[in-house]
Structure formats: structure tokens, C-alpha cells
Amino acid sequence: MISHFIAYIFLIINMALWGGALVVARSVYEMAPPMALTFWRWVVAVLVLLPFVARSLRRELPLKSEAKQSIYWICITMAIGTSLSLVAVNYTTAINATVINATQPAVTAVAALFLLREKLTKLQTLGIFSAFFGILIMASQASINRLLQMDINIGDIVMLGAVISWSLYAVELHRASYLPSYGVLLFLTACTGVVIGLPLYLIEENFFRSMKINWETITGVLYLSIGSTVIAVSLWNLSIRAIGANRASIFLNLIPVFGAIFAIKFLEEKLYIYHIIGGSLIIAGILFALQNFGRVVSSRES
């Protein structure tokens, strides 16, 4: 078991890796269309994980019949959420995407309300409204005219769809009666991503645009597959075992911070007042929504 201090260091690195994922995807979106990026991300993840989980696969598969439905749902929702997030950065900024990504605790609270019959406290309800109001401010750029005319960035809406998918994943992960080990589950998720992504990738390749093969796109795929998937999830799991899910979940608030810093530094994106207002409301909403939802929220594997 690692020490608490090492766990905190791992979590900071973990959040930086997750915070950089959408920035990397945004940086290569003109050269790497979303389905190509997500397909090759999962392919590389499968190849990297296979040597480490081969023995566990023989021991843990075939799955117990009662667990199959939950595991299918877990893998599908994660794969869909990842695909939507990479589509989103084709239409919105990395700053917007990472801040909206931070609303997952509030969205998970809503999902848990409907799927787990978890009751919401007044603070949690306030937090949910605060987080969604923050998204609305960002998507409309704090303009009432744009809001009334429904002139809202479609990329922000797609990113919210990704967050909803990840929240459904988190809730299902929480209520599943049986799960394989983390490594096997991540491997199965990556395999699902390959299966779902292949037909979409082929359609995109033949009817829309192709992925350019160069050092930038190769580096982007490697970062998304190894950095923000294999390494980040491993650090996340080690940290949760050391300090617990509730403490670890607080560090999720660092994702939009790192995302904004990286986007400003490497993509030269600008931070506007509506980002600050919307982000503040979202962070306030997260802190309220985290009440009693630490275990559910902390199930996220990105």
C-alpha cells in the first residue's frame, strides 16, 4: 500500500493527465477526425493492456451470467462518452470542454436519483442547479440574446452528452453485483471501444475525412491511449486504495483547472469572464453535489 503523500502526488498527476486529454484532442482535431482518434486510442490501449491482463482474463472470464448485463453497460457507456467528448472538441474550445467535463459529480447525482433512488439533500439539489446554470452561461457566452435565440454552441451540448454517458457508467459501476479486476474491466472497455468505433471510423474515413498520419496525430493517440487511459486509471485505482474514494473524488475539481491552464498555454485559447462565472458556479455545484456521492462519483475511469 502506498503512503497518503504518494497517493496525493499520484492524484495530482492523474488530474493533469485527464485535464490534458481534451486539450490534446483539440490540438489535433483538424488532422485527426474524432472517430479515427477514438478508434486508434482504444486499439493502442488494447495492445498495451493485453500483456498485463492475459493471465487475469483466463481466470476471470467467462463472466458470471448475472454480471454480463452490468459489464456490457459499463463498457458501452464509457466508449460512447469518450467518442462524444472527442466529437465535442471539434466544435468547442478545450476550456469549455474541460469545465463542462467537471460537472460529472452533479450529473451523477441526478443519475443516481433516478437509477439508484438516492435521495437528494437541499444542498445537492442546489449544487445540481448551480452546475447546470454554469454550463448555460458558458454555452451562451453569458448572452441573453444568444440564449433566447437558442444560438448555443453545439460542441458544449455534445460534451454534456459525454458527461451524461460517463455518469451512467459511474452509477452502473457503483451498483454492479460483480466486477472483474480493474485491469480486466479497462481491457474489456477498450475492446468495446474498438468494436463500436470501427464501423464509425470506416464511415468517417470513406465519406468524410481521413486522419493524417504525422508525429502530432501519433503523439495525440499515444497520449490518449497510454497517458490518459492506462497510466491515469492505474494511478487513480492505486490512490483510491490508499486514501479512499471520498478523499480522492475531491481531486476531480483539478481537471478543469489543469485543462484551462494547458489550453491557454499550448492552444493560446483565451479565458473570458463567462468562463470564470460559469466555472465558479460549476465548482460550487460540484462541492454541494459531492455530499454523500463520493463513492459513485469516484467510479470514473477516463
C-alpha atoms as a PDB file:
ATOM      1  CA  MET A   1       0.000   0.000   0.000  1.00  0.00           C
ATOM      2  CA  ILE A   2       1.388   3.407  -0.958  1.00  0.00           C
ATOM      3  CA  SER A   3       1.564   6.254   1.579  1.00  0.00           C
ATOM      4  CA  HIS A   4      -1.013   9.059   1.666  1.00  0.00           C
ATOM      5  CA  PHE A   5       1.583  11.563   0.466  1.00  0.00           C
ATOM      6  CA  ILE A   6       2.434   9.441  -2.594  1.00  0.00           C
ATOM      7  CA  ALA A   7      -1.300   8.956  -3.244  1.00  0.00           C
ATOM      8  CA  TYR A   8      -1.826  12.734  -3.308  1.00  0.00           C
ATOM      9  CA  ILE A   9       1.082  13.150  -5.743  1.00  0.00           C
ATOM     10  CA  PHE A  10      -0.379  10.396  -7.941  1.00  0.00           C
ATOM     11  CA  LEU A  11      -3.785  12.119  -7.884  1.00  0.00           C
ATOM     12  CA  ILE A  12      -2.337  15.458  -8.966  1.00  0.00           C
ATOM     13  CA  ILE A  13      -0.527  13.746 -11.856  1.00  0.00           C
ATOM     14  CA  ASN A  14      -3.727  11.837 -12.596  1.00  0.00           C
ATOM     15  CA  MET A  15      -5.826  15.015 -12.826  1.00  0.00           C
ATOM     16  CA  ALA A  16      -3.188  16.679 -15.008  1.00  0.00           C
ATOM     17  CA  LEU A  17      -3.315  13.724 -17.417  1.00  0.00           C
ATOM     18  CA  TRP A  18      -7.125  13.826 -17.553  1.00  0.00           C
ATOM     19  CA  GLY A  19      -7.136  17.615 -17.777  1.00  0.00           C
ATOM     20  CA  GLY A  20      -4.802  17.457 -20.756  1.00  0.00           C
ATOM     21  CA  ALA A  21      -6.789  14.838 -22.682  1.00  0.00           C
ATOM     22  CA  LEU A  22      -9.323  17.187 -24.265  1.00  0.00           C
ATOM     23  CA  VAL A  23      -6.605  19.769 -24.888  1.00  0.00           C
ATOM     24  CA  VAL A  24      -4.602  17.185 -26.833  1.00  0.00           C
ATOM     25  CA  ALA A  25      -7.706  16.120 -28.775  1.00  0.00           C
ATOM     26  CA  ARG A  26      -8.475  19.751 -29.594  1.00  0.00           C
ATOM     27  CA  SER A  27      -4.892  20.371 -30.727  1.00  0.00           C
ATOM     28  CA  VAL A  28      -5.093  17.679 -33.440  1.00  0.00           C
ATOM     29  CA  TYR A  29      -8.776  17.871 -34.422  1.00  0.00           C
ATOM     30  CA  GLU A  30      -8.063  19.376 -37.832  1.00  0.00           C
ATOM     31  CA  MET A  31      -5.717  16.472 -38.676  1.00  0.00           C
ATOM     32  CA  ALA A  32      -7.421  13.666 -36.761  1.00  0.00           C
ATOM     33  CA  PRO A  33     -11.230  13.411 -37.033  1.00  0.00           C
ATOM     34  CA  PRO A  34     -12.967  12.205 -33.861  1.00  0.00           C
ATOM     35  CA  MET A  35     -13.831   8.628 -34.843  1.00  0.00           C
ATOM     36  CA  ALA A  36     -10.308   7.947 -36.087  1.00  0.00           C
ATOM     37  CA  LEU A  37      -8.848   9.372 -32.894  1.00  0.00           C
ATOM     38  CA  THR A  38     -11.122   7.396 -30.587  1.00  0.00           C
ATOM     39  CA  PHE A  39     -10.752   4.154 -32.587  1.00  0.00           C
ATOM     40  CA  TRP A  40      -6.952   4.191 -32.582  1.00  0.00           C
ATOM     41  CA  ARG A  41      -6.931   5.290 -28.953  1.00  0.00           C
ATOM     42  CA  TRP A  42      -8.736   2.108 -27.966  1.00  0.00           C
ATOM     43  CA  VAL A  43      -6.704  -0.088 -30.315  1.00  0.00           C
ATOM     44  CA  VAL A  44      -3.434   1.051 -28.715  1.00  0.00           C
ATOM     45  CA  ALA A  45      -4.926   0.668 -25.227  1.00  0.00           C
ATOM     46  CA  VAL A  46      -5.925  -2.934 -26.016  1.00  0.00           C
ATOM     47  CA  LEU A  47      -2.412  -3.753 -27.265  1.00  0.00           C
ATOM     48  CA  VAL A  48      -0.746  -2.144 -24.232  1.00  0.00           C
ATOM     49  CA  LEU A  49      -3.074  -3.759 -21.676  1.00  0.00           C
ATOM     50  CA  LEU A  50      -3.179  -7.275 -23.146  1.00  0.00           C
ATOM     51  CA  PRO A  51       0.215  -8.494 -21.812  1.00  0.00           C
ATOM     52  CA  PHE A  52      -0.685  -7.288 -18.315  1.00  0.00           C
ATOM     53  CA  VAL A  53      -4.174  -8.815 -18.143  1.00  0.00           C
ATOM     54  CA  ALA A  54      -3.719 -12.018 -20.176  1.00  0.00           C
ATOM     55  CA  ARG A  55      -3.469 -14.269 -17.116  1.00  0.00           C
ATOM     56  CA  SER A  56      -6.309 -12.493 -15.333  1.00  0.00           C
ATOM     57  CA  LEU A  57      -8.523 -12.884 -18.400  1.00  0.00           C
ATOM     58  CA  ARG A  58      -8.155 -16.658 -18.278  1.00  0.00           C
ATOM     59  CA  ARG A  59      -9.045 -16.664 -14.579  1.00  0.00           C
ATOM     60  CA  GLU A  60     -11.887 -14.116 -14.597  1.00  0.00           C
ATOM     61  CA  LEU A  61     -13.583 -14.969 -17.911  1.00  0.00           C
ATOM     62  CA  PRO A  62     -16.090 -16.163 -18.890  1.00  0.00           C
ATOM     63  CA  LEU A  63     -18.106 -13.697 -16.858  1.00  0.00           C
ATOM     64  CA  LYS A  64     -20.795 -14.763 -14.454  1.00  0.00           C
ATOM     65  CA  SER A  65     -24.155 -14.614 -16.204  1.00  0.00           C
ATOM     66  CA  GLU A  66     -25.668 -12.150 -13.720  1.00  0.00           C
ATOM     67  CA  ALA A  67     -22.763  -9.767 -14.241  1.00  0.00           C
ATOM     68  CA  LYS A  68     -22.789  -9.676 -18.032  1.00  0.00           C
ATOM     69  CA  GLN A  69     -25.504  -7.039 -18.418  1.00  0.00           C
ATOM     70  CA  SER A  70     -23.813  -4.636 -15.992  1.00  0.00           C
ATOM     71  CA  ILE A  71     -20.412  -5.071 -17.605  1.00  0.00           C
ATOM     72  CA  TYR A  72     -21.836  -4.595 -21.107  1.00  0.00           C
ATOM     73  CA  TRP A  73     -23.494  -1.373 -19.938  1.00  0.00           C
ATOM     74  CA  ILE A  74     -20.324  -0.149 -18.191  1.00  0.00           C
ATOM     75  CA  CYS A  75     -18.180  -0.742 -21.266  1.00  0.00           C
ATOM     76  CA  ILE A  76     -20.680   0.752 -23.731  1.00  0.00           C
ATOM     77  CA  THR A  77     -21.344   3.940 -21.755  1.00  0.00           C
ATOM     78  CA  MET A  78     -17.624   4.592 -21.301  1.00  0.00           C
ATOM     79  CA  ALA A  79     -16.931   4.024 -25.004  1.00  0.00           C
ATOM     80  CA  ILE A  80     -19.813   6.311 -26.041  1.00  0.00           C
ATOM     81  CA  GLY A  81     -18.792   9.023 -23.589  1.00  0.00           C
ATOM     82  CA  THR A  82     -15.232   9.006 -24.884  1.00  0.00           C
ATOM     83  CA  SER A  83     -16.395   9.208 -28.508  1.00  0.00           C
ATOM     84  CA  LEU A  84     -18.730  12.130 -27.770  1.00  0.00           C
ATOM     85  CA  SER A  85     -16.001  14.052 -25.938  1.00  0.00           C
ATOM     86  CA  LEU A  86     -13.696  13.809 -28.954  1.00  0.00           C
ATOM     87  CA  VAL A  87     -16.528  14.924 -31.245  1.00  0.00           C
ATOM     88  CA  ALA A  88     -17.224  17.879 -28.936  1.00  0.00           C
ATOM     89  CA  VAL A  89     -13.750  19.419 -29.245  1.00  0.00           C
ATOM     90  CA  ASN A  90     -14.280  19.718 -32.999  1.00  0.00           C
ATOM     91  CA  TYR A  91     -16.889  22.394 -32.260  1.00  0.00           C
ATOM     92  CA  THR A  92     -15.992  23.948 -28.923  1.00  0.00           C
ATOM     93  CA  THR A  93     -12.846  25.088 -27.133  1.00  0.00           C
ATOM     94  CA  ALA A  94     -10.777  22.873 -24.869  1.00  0.00           C
ATOM     95  CA  ILE A  95     -11.528  25.245 -21.959  1.00  0.00           C
ATOM     96  CA  ASN A  96     -15.293  24.855 -22.426  1.00  0.00           C
ATOM     97  CA  ALA A  97     -14.994  21.082 -22.780  1.00  0.00           C
ATOM     98  CA  THR A  98     -12.877  20.599 -19.654  1.00  0.00           C
ATOM     99  CA  VAL A  99     -15.072  22.852 -17.498  1.00  0.00           C
ATOM    100  CA  ILE A 100     -18.248  21.076 -18.661  1.00  0.00           C
ATOM    101  CA  ASN A 101     -16.478  17.790 -18.003  1.00  0.00           C
ATOM    102  CA  ALA A 102     -16.196  18.878 -14.373  1.00  0.00           C
ATOM    103  CA  THR A 103     -19.977  18.748 -13.939  1.00  0.00           C
ATOM    104  CA  GLN A 104     -19.908  14.954 -13.719  1.00  0.00           C
ATOM    105  CA  PRO A 105     -20.467  14.848  -9.926  1.00  0.00           C
ATOM    106  CA  ALA A 106     -23.680  16.886 -10.303  1.00  0.00           C
ATOM    107  CA  VAL A 107     -24.860  14.877 -13.316  1.00  0.00           C
ATOM    108  CA  THR A 108     -24.037  11.642 -11.483  1.00  0.00           C
ATOM    109  CA  ALA A 109     -26.166  12.803  -8.563  1.00  0.00           C
ATOM    110  CA  VAL A 110     -29.133  13.179 -10.938  1.00  0.00           C
ATOM    111  CA  ALA A 111     -28.472   9.759 -12.496  1.00  0.00           C
ATOM    112  CA  ALA A 112     -28.251   8.189  -9.043  1.00  0.00           C
ATOM    113  CA  LEU A 113     -31.553   9.835  -8.106  1.00  0.00           C
ATOM    114  CA  PHE A 114     -33.367   8.099 -10.968  1.00  0.00           C
ATOM    115  CA  LEU A 115     -31.458   4.820 -11.167  1.00  0.00           C
ATOM    116  CA  LEU A 116     -30.498   4.148  -7.543  1.00  0.00           C
ATOM    117  CA  ARG A 117     -33.381   6.003  -5.890  1.00  0.00           C
ATOM    118  CA  GLU A 118     -30.837   8.012  -3.912  1.00  0.00           C
ATOM    119  CA  LYS A 119     -32.493  10.978  -2.237  1.00  0.00           C
ATOM    120  CA  LEU A 120     -31.050  14.427  -2.817  1.00  0.00           C
ATOM    121  CA  THR A 121     -30.409  16.828   0.021  1.00  0.00           C
ATOM    122  CA  LYS A 122     -31.213  20.506  -0.369  1.00  0.00           C
ATOM    123  CA  LEU A 123     -27.519  21.267  -0.856  1.00  0.00           C
ATOM    124  CA  GLN A 124     -27.216  18.623  -3.568  1.00  0.00           C
ATOM    125  CA  THR A 125     -30.257  19.999  -5.370  1.00  0.00           C
ATOM    126  CA  LEU A 126     -28.794  23.500  -5.162  1.00  0.00           C
ATOM    127  CA  GLY A 127     -25.496  22.144  -6.465  1.00  0.00           C
ATOM    128  CA  ILE A 128     -27.133  20.497  -9.480  1.00  0.00           C
ATOM    129  CA  PHE A 129     -28.930  23.710 -10.476  1.00  0.00           C
ATOM    130  CA  SER A 130     -25.754  25.709  -9.922  1.00  0.00           C
ATOM    131  CA  ALA A 131     -23.694  23.387 -12.156  1.00  0.00           C
ATOM    132  CA  PHE A 132     -26.222  23.385 -14.990  1.00  0.00           C
ATOM    133  CA  PHE A 133     -26.678  27.149 -14.766  1.00  0.00           C
ATOM    134  CA  GLY A 134     -22.903  27.433 -15.079  1.00  0.00           C
ATOM    135  CA  ILE A 135     -22.980  25.330 -18.264  1.00  0.00           C
ATOM    136  CA  LEU A 136     -25.765  27.511 -19.655  1.00  0.00           C
ATOM    137  CA  ILE A 137     -23.740  30.668 -19.028  1.00  0.00           C
ATOM    138  CA  MET A 138     -20.718  29.203 -20.793  1.00  0.00           C
ATOM    139  CA  ALA A 139     -22.644  27.727 -23.741  1.00  0.00           C
ATOM    140  CA  SER A 140     -24.459  31.041 -24.361  1.00  0.00           C
ATOM    141  CA  GLN A 141     -21.350  33.110 -23.548  1.00  0.00           C
ATOM    142  CA  ALA A 142     -23.435  34.904 -20.894  1.00  0.00           C
ATOM    143  CA  SER A 143     -25.597  36.464 -23.622  1.00  0.00           C
ATOM    144  CA  ILE A 144     -29.353  36.553 -23.038  1.00  0.00           C
ATOM    145  CA  ASN A 145     -29.912  37.230 -26.746  1.00  0.00           C
ATOM    146  CA  ARG A 146     -27.979  34.124 -27.750  1.00  0.00           C
ATOM    147  CA  LEU A 147     -29.889  32.113 -25.172  1.00  0.00           C
ATOM    148  CA  LEU A 148     -33.299  33.362 -26.367  1.00  0.00           C
ATOM    149  CA  GLN A 149     -32.337  32.661 -29.980  1.00  0.00           C
ATOM    150  CA  MET A 150     -31.024  29.209 -28.982  1.00  0.00           C
ATOM    151  CA  ASP A 151     -27.679  30.188 -30.515  1.00  0.00           C
ATOM    152  CA  ILE A 152     -25.785  27.766 -28.303  1.00  0.00           C
ATOM    153  CA  ASN A 153     -22.505  26.062 -29.151  1.00  0.00           C
ATOM    154  CA  ILE A 154     -23.341  22.531 -30.323  1.00  0.00           C
ATOM    155  CA  GLY A 155     -19.958  21.314 -29.070  1.00  0.00           C
ATOM    156  CA  ASP A 156     -20.922  22.221 -25.499  1.00  0.00           C
ATOM    157  CA  ILE A 157     -24.153  20.212 -25.838  1.00  0.00           C
ATOM    158  CA  VAL A 158     -22.246  17.202 -27.219  1.00  0.00           C
ATOM    159  CA  MET A 159     -19.788  17.464 -24.315  1.00  0.00           C
ATOM    160  CA  LEU A 160     -22.690  17.441 -21.877  1.00  0.00           C
ATOM    161  CA  GLY A 161     -23.860  14.256 -23.615  1.00  0.00           C
ATOM    162  CA  ALA A 162     -20.429  12.746 -22.927  1.00  0.00           C
ATOM    163  CA  VAL A 163     -20.701  13.697 -19.264  1.00  0.00           C
ATOM    164  CA  ILE A 164     -24.162  12.088 -19.036  1.00  0.00           C
ATOM    165  CA  SER A 165     -22.773   8.895 -20.553  1.00  0.00           C
ATOM    166  CA  TRP A 166     -19.864   8.840 -18.083  1.00  0.00           C
ATOM    167  CA  SER A 167     -22.286   9.440 -15.216  1.00  0.00           C
ATOM    168  CA  LEU A 168     -24.410   6.460 -16.261  1.00  0.00           C
ATOM    169  CA  TYR A 169     -21.176   4.474 -16.350  1.00  0.00           C
ATOM    170  CA  ALA A 170     -20.289   5.598 -12.810  1.00  0.00           C
ATOM    171  CA  VAL A 171     -23.712   4.694 -11.423  1.00  0.00           C
ATOM    172  CA  GLU A 172     -23.660   1.249 -13.034  1.00  0.00           C
ATOM    173  CA  LEU A 173     -20.131   0.652 -11.757  1.00  0.00           C
ATOM    174  CA  HIS A 174     -21.378   1.517  -8.277  1.00  0.00           C
ATOM    175  CA  ARG A 175     -24.382  -0.819  -8.277  1.00  0.00           C
ATOM    176  CA  ALA A 176     -22.883  -3.800 -10.142  1.00  0.00           C
ATOM    177  CA  SER A 177     -23.079  -7.000  -8.070  1.00  0.00           C
ATOM    178  CA  TYR A 178     -19.890  -8.406  -9.590  1.00  0.00           C
ATOM    179  CA  LEU A 179     -16.993  -6.837 -11.457  1.00  0.00           C
ATOM    180  CA  PRO A 180     -13.729  -8.234 -12.761  1.00  0.00           C
ATOM    181  CA  SER A 181     -10.464  -6.630 -11.676  1.00  0.00           C
ATOM    182  CA  TYR A 182      -9.792  -3.028 -12.724  1.00  0.00           C
ATOM    183  CA  GLY A 183      -7.281  -4.068 -15.379  1.00  0.00           C
ATOM    184  CA  VAL A 184      -9.632  -6.602 -16.961  1.00  0.00           C
ATOM    185  CA  LEU A 185     -12.542  -4.157 -16.857  1.00  0.00           C
ATOM    186  CA  LEU A 186     -10.461  -1.466 -18.562  1.00  0.00           C
ATOM    187  CA  PHE A 187      -9.331  -4.007 -21.176  1.00  0.00           C
ATOM    188  CA  LEU A 188     -12.951  -5.022 -21.857  1.00  0.00           C
ATOM    189  CA  THR A 189     -13.901  -1.345 -22.134  1.00  0.00           C
ATOM    190  CA  ALA A 190     -11.103  -0.781 -24.649  1.00  0.00           C
ATOM    191  CA  CYS A 191     -12.256  -3.814 -26.662  1.00  0.00           C
ATOM    192  CA  THR A 192     -15.792  -2.401 -26.659  1.00  0.00           C
ATOM    193  CA  GLY A 193     -14.448   0.925 -27.874  1.00  0.00           C
ATOM    194  CA  VAL A 194     -12.723  -0.826 -30.772  1.00  0.00           C
ATOM    195  CA  VAL A 195     -15.883  -2.744 -31.747  1.00  0.00           C
ATOM    196  CA  ILE A 196     -18.174   0.298 -31.540  1.00  0.00           C
ATOM    197  CA  GLY A 197     -15.646   2.628 -33.115  1.00  0.00           C
ATOM    198  CA  LEU A 198     -14.651   0.514 -36.123  1.00  0.00           C
ATOM    199  CA  PRO A 199     -17.806   0.998 -38.264  1.00  0.00           C
ATOM    200  CA  LEU A 200     -17.978   4.697 -37.370  1.00  0.00           C
ATOM    201  CA  TYR A 201     -14.300   5.099 -38.213  1.00  0.00           C
ATOM    202  CA  LEU A 202     -14.763   3.394 -41.596  1.00  0.00           C
ATOM    203  CA  ILE A 203     -17.760   5.608 -42.428  1.00  0.00           C
ATOM    204  CA  GLU A 204     -15.820   8.713 -41.434  1.00  0.00           C
ATOM    205  CA  GLU A 205     -12.764   7.576 -43.415  1.00  0.00           C
ATOM    206  CA  ASN A 206     -14.689   6.840 -46.612  1.00  0.00           C
ATOM    207  CA  PHE A 207     -17.347   9.560 -46.637  1.00  0.00           C
ATOM    208  CA  PHE A 208     -15.987  12.497 -44.635  1.00  0.00           C
ATOM    209  CA  ARG A 209     -12.297  12.969 -43.998  1.00  0.00           C
ATOM    210  CA  SER A 210      -9.217  10.888 -43.268  1.00  0.00           C
ATOM    211  CA  MET A 211      -6.736  11.037 -40.452  1.00  0.00           C
ATOM    212  CA  LYS A 212      -3.350  12.487 -41.371  1.00  0.00           C
ATOM    213  CA  ILE A 213      -0.502  10.335 -40.136  1.00  0.00           C
ATOM    214  CA  ASN A 214       2.233  12.508 -38.669  1.00  0.00           C
ATOM    215  CA  TRP A 215       4.061  12.952 -35.378  1.00  0.00           C
ATOM    216  CA  GLU A 216       1.343  15.201 -33.981  1.00  0.00           C
ATOM    217  CA  THR A 217      -1.500  12.733 -34.536  1.00  0.00           C
ATOM    218  CA  ILE A 218       0.617   9.754 -33.432  1.00  0.00           C
ATOM    219  CA  THR A 219       1.582  11.602 -30.249  1.00  0.00           C
ATOM    220  CA  GLY A 220      -2.076  12.514 -29.682  1.00  0.00           C
ATOM    221  CA  VAL A 221      -3.184   8.885 -29.981  1.00  0.00           C
ATOM    222  CA  LEU A 222      -0.400   7.708 -27.649  1.00  0.00           C
ATOM    223  CA  TYR A 223      -1.274  10.354 -25.062  1.00  0.00           C
ATOM    224  CA  LEU A 224      -4.975   9.479 -25.098  1.00  0.00           C
ATOM    225  CA  SER A 225      -4.414   5.712 -25.023  1.00  0.00           C
ATOM    226  CA  ILE A 226      -1.455   5.400 -22.664  1.00  0.00           C
ATOM    227  CA  GLY A 227      -1.347   8.679 -20.738  1.00  0.00           C
ATOM    228  CA  SER A 228      -4.993   9.495 -20.039  1.00  0.00           C
ATOM    229  CA  THR A 229      -6.236   5.898 -20.117  1.00  0.00           C
ATOM    230  CA  VAL A 230      -3.742   3.252 -18.964  1.00  0.00           C
ATOM    231  CA  ILE A 231      -1.472   5.364 -16.722  1.00  0.00           C
ATOM    232  CA  ALA A 232      -4.161   7.723 -15.370  1.00  0.00           C
ATOM    233  CA  VAL A 233      -6.587   4.926 -14.478  1.00  0.00           C
ATOM    234  CA  SER A 234      -3.795   2.944 -12.801  1.00  0.00           C
ATOM    235  CA  LEU A 235      -2.815   5.953 -10.666  1.00  0.00           C
ATOM    236  CA  TRP A 236      -6.487   6.562  -9.842  1.00  0.00           C
ATOM    237  CA  ASN A 237      -7.022   2.999  -8.650  1.00  0.00           C
ATOM    238  CA  LEU A 238      -3.814   2.965  -6.568  1.00  0.00           C
ATOM    239  CA  SER A 239      -4.790   6.252  -4.927  1.00  0.00           C
ATOM    240  CA  ILE A 240      -8.323   5.129  -4.097  1.00  0.00           C
ATOM    241  CA  ARG A 241      -6.952   2.030  -2.388  1.00  0.00           C
ATOM    242  CA  ALA A 242      -4.616   4.208  -0.318  1.00  0.00           C
ATOM    243  CA  ILE A 243      -6.872   7.093   0.773  1.00  0.00           C
ATOM    244  CA  GLY A 244     -10.428   6.023  -0.133  1.00  0.00           C
ATOM    245  CA  ALA A 245     -12.923   7.115  -2.756  1.00  0.00           C
ATOM    246  CA  ASN A 246     -14.335  10.103  -0.889  1.00  0.00           C
ATOM    247  CA  ARG A 247     -10.984  11.851  -0.470  1.00  0.00           C
ATOM    248  CA  ALA A 248      -9.881  11.003  -3.998  1.00  0.00           C
ATOM    249  CA  SER A 249     -13.082  12.404  -5.534  1.00  0.00           C
ATOM    250  CA  ILE A 250     -12.244  15.921  -4.289  1.00  0.00           C
ATOM    251  CA  PHE A 251      -9.248  15.955  -6.643  1.00  0.00           C
ATOM    252  CA  LEU A 252     -11.611  15.752  -9.639  1.00  0.00           C
ATOM    253  CA  ASN A 253     -12.032  19.504  -9.187  1.00  0.00           C
ATOM    254  CA  LEU A 254      -8.489  19.930 -10.520  1.00  0.00           C
ATOM    255  CA  ILE A 255      -9.400  18.622 -14.004  1.00  0.00           C
ATOM    256  CA  PRO A 256     -10.863  21.929 -15.307  1.00  0.00           C
ATOM    257  CA  VAL A 257      -8.024  23.852 -13.656  1.00  0.00           C
ATOM    258  CA  PHE A 258      -5.350  21.844 -15.487  1.00  0.00           C
ATOM    259  CA  GLY A 259      -7.459  21.834 -18.653  1.00  0.00           C
ATOM    260  CA  ALA A 260      -7.766  25.619 -18.689  1.00  0.00           C
ATOM    261  CA  ILE A 261      -4.058  26.113 -17.933  1.00  0.00           C
ATOM    262  CA  PHE A 262      -2.999  23.742 -20.724  1.00  0.00           C
ATOM    263  CA  ALA A 263      -5.476  25.239 -23.218  1.00  0.00           C
ATOM    264  CA  ILE A 264      -4.245  28.779 -22.544  1.00  0.00           C
ATOM    265  CA  LYS A 265      -0.580  27.740 -22.598  1.00  0.00           C
ATOM    266  CA  PHE A 266      -0.498  25.371 -25.575  1.00  0.00           C
ATOM    267  CA  LEU A 267      -3.541  26.296 -27.678  1.00  0.00           C
ATOM    268  CA  GLU A 268      -3.464  30.026 -26.929  1.00  0.00           C
ATOM    269  CA  GLU A 269      -7.138  29.963 -26.026  1.00  0.00           C
ATOM    270  CA  LYS A 270      -8.479  32.948 -24.122  1.00  0.00           C
ATOM    271  CA  LEU A 271     -10.169  32.928 -20.750  1.00  0.00           C
ATOM    272  CA  TYR A 272     -13.268  35.133 -20.780  1.00  0.00           C
ATOM    273  CA  ILE A 273     -15.368  36.442 -17.925  1.00  0.00           C
ATOM    274  CA  TYR A 274     -18.175  33.999 -18.756  1.00  0.00           C
ATOM    275  CA  HIS A 275     -15.699  31.130 -18.222  1.00  0.00           C
ATOM    276  CA  ILE A 276     -14.929  32.446 -14.753  1.00  0.00           C
ATOM    277  CA  ILE A 277     -18.598  32.974 -13.849  1.00  0.00           C
ATOM    278  CA  GLY A 278     -19.734  29.667 -15.313  1.00  0.00           C
ATOM    279  CA  GLY A 279     -16.757  27.783 -13.884  1.00  0.00           C
ATOM    280  CA  SER A 280     -17.328  29.230 -10.414  1.00  0.00           C
ATOM    281  CA  LEU A 281     -20.969  28.127 -10.465  1.00  0.00           C
ATOM    282  CA  ILE A 282     -19.942  24.665 -11.649  1.00  0.00           C
ATOM    283  CA  ILE A 283     -17.287  24.282  -8.932  1.00  0.00           C
ATOM    284  CA  ALA A 284     -19.795  25.415  -6.288  1.00  0.00           C
ATOM    285  CA  GLY A 285     -22.266  22.899  -7.684  1.00  0.00           C
ATOM    286  CA  ILE A 286     -19.657  20.132  -7.535  1.00  0.00           C
ATOM    287  CA  LEU A 287     -18.882  20.797  -3.874  1.00  0.00           C
ATOM    288  CA  PHE A 288     -22.580  20.638  -2.994  1.00  0.00           C
ATOM    289  CA  ALA A 289     -23.317  17.620  -5.198  1.00  0.00           C
ATOM    290  CA  LEU A 290     -20.420  15.619  -3.747  1.00  0.00           C
ATOM    291  CA  GLN A 291     -22.301  15.297  -0.472  1.00  0.00           C
ATOM    292  CA  ASN A 292     -22.897  11.542   0.007  1.00  0.00           C
ATOM    293  CA  PHE A 293     -21.956  10.818  -3.602  1.00  0.00           C
ATOM    294  CA  GLY A 294     -18.229  10.294  -3.149  1.00  0.00           C
ATOM    295  CA  ARG A 295     -18.351   6.586  -3.881  1.00  0.00           C
ATOM    296  CA  VAL A 296     -20.456   6.983  -7.016  1.00  0.00           C
ATOM    297  CA  VAL A 297     -18.518   9.931  -8.407  1.00  0.00           C
ATOM    298  CA  SER A 298     -15.183   8.279  -7.735  1.00  0.00           C
ATOM    299  CA  SER A 299     -16.011   5.386 -10.028  1.00  0.00           C
ATOM    300  CA  ARG A 300     -14.945   7.432 -13.036  1.00  0.00           C
ATOM    301  CA  GLU A 301     -12.298   5.859 -15.250  1.00  0.00           C
ATOM    302  CA  SER A 302     -11.489   8.126 -18.148  1.00  0.00           C
END
